[in-house]
Amino acid sequence: MTETLEIDRMTLAERLQAMELLWRSMAHAPEKLESPAWHKTVLQKRLAKVTAGKGEFLTISQLKKRLAKRSA
């Protein structure tokens, strides 16, 4: 198994390539990928808001601004 120290020594390009290889290997068997239980809960809550007419929808521009504020 690759150690953290080995990953730290990789260039950014090598890390991105490794991530792409991992993603491709997982994408070949999507039925083996299972979302965590908390994800289902979040989606159910969001769907309930939309169904109740209380869902909040943002444009891409609005979303970018909101995320920029969070990281500032």
C-alpha atoms as a PDB file:
ATOM      1  CA  MET A   1       0.000   0.000   0.000  1.00  0.00           C
ATOM      2  CA  THR A   2       1.195   3.513  -0.764  1.00  0.00           C
ATOM      3  CA  GLU A   3       2.256   5.452   2.282  1.00  0.00           C
ATOM      4  CA  THR A   4       1.401   9.110   2.884  1.00  0.00           C
ATOM      5  CA  LEU A   5       5.083  10.011   2.652  1.00  0.00           C
ATOM      6  CA  GLU A   6       5.222   8.562  -0.861  1.00  0.00           C
ATOM      7  CA  ILE A   7       2.193  10.596  -1.893  1.00  0.00           C
ATOM      8  CA  ASP A   8       3.763  13.749  -0.450  1.00  0.00           C
ATOM      9  CA  ARG A   9       6.752  13.199  -2.720  1.00  0.00           C
ATOM     10  CA  MET A  10       4.600  13.027  -5.862  1.00  0.00           C
ATOM     11  CA  THR A  11       4.209  16.036  -8.108  1.00  0.00           C
ATOM     12  CA  LEU A  12       0.787  17.579  -8.539  1.00  0.00           C
ATOM     13  CA  ALA A  13       0.552  16.017 -12.008  1.00  0.00           C
ATOM     14  CA  GLU A  14       1.377  12.584 -10.575  1.00  0.00           C
ATOM     15  CA  ARG A  15      -1.247  12.967  -7.839  1.00  0.00           C
ATOM     16  CA  LEU A  16      -3.900  13.982 -10.361  1.00  0.00           C
ATOM     17  CA  GLN A  17      -2.973  11.048 -12.577  1.00  0.00           C
ATOM     18  CA  ALA A  18      -3.238   8.684  -9.591  1.00  0.00           C
ATOM     19  CA  MET A  19      -6.668  10.102  -8.724  1.00  0.00           C
ATOM     20  CA  GLU A  20      -7.813   9.623 -12.315  1.00  0.00           C
ATOM     21  CA  LEU A  21      -6.628   6.012 -12.299  1.00  0.00           C
ATOM     22  CA  LEU A  22      -8.456   5.354  -9.024  1.00  0.00           C
ATOM     23  CA  TRP A  23     -11.647   6.953 -10.343  1.00  0.00           C
ATOM     24  CA  ARG A  24     -11.524   4.899 -13.548  1.00  0.00           C
ATOM     25  CA  SER A  25     -11.018   1.674 -11.596  1.00  0.00           C
ATOM     26  CA  MET A  26     -14.023   2.435  -9.377  1.00  0.00           C
ATOM     27  CA  ALA A  27     -16.208   3.555 -12.287  1.00  0.00           C
ATOM     28  CA  HIS A  28     -15.929   0.115 -13.895  1.00  0.00           C
ATOM     29  CA  ALA A  29     -18.028  -1.392 -11.109  1.00  0.00           C
ATOM     30  CA  PRO A  30     -20.538   1.263  -9.968  1.00  0.00           C
ATOM     31  CA  GLU A  31     -22.729  -1.405  -8.363  1.00  0.00           C
ATOM     32  CA  LYS A  32     -19.957  -1.935  -5.797  1.00  0.00           C
ATOM     33  CA  LEU A  33     -19.959   1.741  -4.809  1.00  0.00           C
ATOM     34  CA  GLU A  34     -22.393   2.430  -2.019  1.00  0.00           C
ATOM     35  CA  SER A  35     -23.276   5.854  -0.705  1.00  0.00           C
ATOM     36  CA  PRO A  36     -22.957   6.284   3.049  1.00  0.00           C
ATOM     37  CA  ALA A  37     -26.181   6.237   5.089  1.00  0.00           C
ATOM     38  CA  TRP A  38     -25.862   9.942   5.978  1.00  0.00           C
ATOM     39  CA  HIS A  39     -26.013  10.795   2.267  1.00  0.00           C
ATOM     40  CA  LYS A  40     -29.452   9.207   1.917  1.00  0.00           C
ATOM     41  CA  THR A  41     -30.645  11.186   4.944  1.00  0.00           C
ATOM     42  CA  VAL A  42     -29.430  14.484   3.456  1.00  0.00           C
ATOM     43  CA  LEU A  43     -31.127  13.731   0.133  1.00  0.00           C
ATOM     44  CA  GLN A  44     -34.412  12.835   1.863  1.00  0.00           C
ATOM     45  CA  LYS A  45     -34.382  16.125   3.790  1.00  0.00           C
ATOM     46  CA  ARG A  46     -33.684  18.113   0.630  1.00  0.00           C
ATOM     47  CA  LEU A  47     -36.433  16.325  -1.287  1.00  0.00           C
ATOM     48  CA  ALA A  48     -38.868  17.025   1.551  1.00  0.00           C
ATOM     49  CA  LYS A  49     -38.032  20.754   1.336  1.00  0.00           C
ATOM     50  CA  VAL A  50     -38.607  20.783  -2.417  1.00  0.00           C
ATOM     51  CA  THR A  51     -41.865  18.847  -2.071  1.00  0.00           C
ATOM     52  CA  ALA A  52     -43.046  21.331   0.587  1.00  0.00           C
ATOM     53  CA  GLY A  53     -42.198  24.231  -1.713  1.00  0.00           C
ATOM     54  CA  LYS A  54     -39.402  25.403   0.579  1.00  0.00           C
ATOM     55  CA  GLY A  55     -36.441  24.290  -1.508  1.00  0.00           C
ATOM     56  CA  GLU A  56     -33.724  26.848  -2.168  1.00  0.00           C
ATOM     57  CA  PHE A  57     -32.246  26.950  -5.638  1.00  0.00           C
ATOM     58  CA  LEU A  58     -29.181  28.936  -6.600  1.00  0.00           C
ATOM     59  CA  THR A  59     -27.646  29.947  -9.888  1.00  0.00           C
ATOM     60  CA  ILE A  60     -24.034  28.934 -10.477  1.00  0.00           C
ATOM     61  CA  SER A  61     -23.013  32.537  -9.850  1.00  0.00           C
ATOM     62  CA  GLN A  62     -24.846  32.630  -6.513  1.00  0.00           C
ATOM     63  CA  LEU A  63     -23.322  29.318  -5.491  1.00  0.00           C
ATOM     64  CA  LYS A  64     -19.800  30.509  -6.307  1.00  0.00           C
ATOM     65  CA  LYS A  65     -20.325  33.632  -4.206  1.00  0.00           C
ATOM     66  CA  ARG A  66     -21.629  31.596  -1.266  1.00  0.00           C
ATOM     67  CA  LEU A  67     -18.690  29.190  -1.436  1.00  0.00           C
ATOM     68  CA  ALA A  68     -16.223  32.069  -1.722  1.00  0.00           C
ATOM     69  CA  LYS A  69     -17.628  33.598   1.484  1.00  0.00           C
ATOM     70  CA  ARG A  70     -17.234  30.280   3.317  1.00  0.00           C
ATOM     71  CA  SER A  71     -13.589  29.918   2.363  1.00  0.00           C
ATOM     72  CA  ALA A  72     -12.703  33.534   3.225  1.00  0.00           C
END
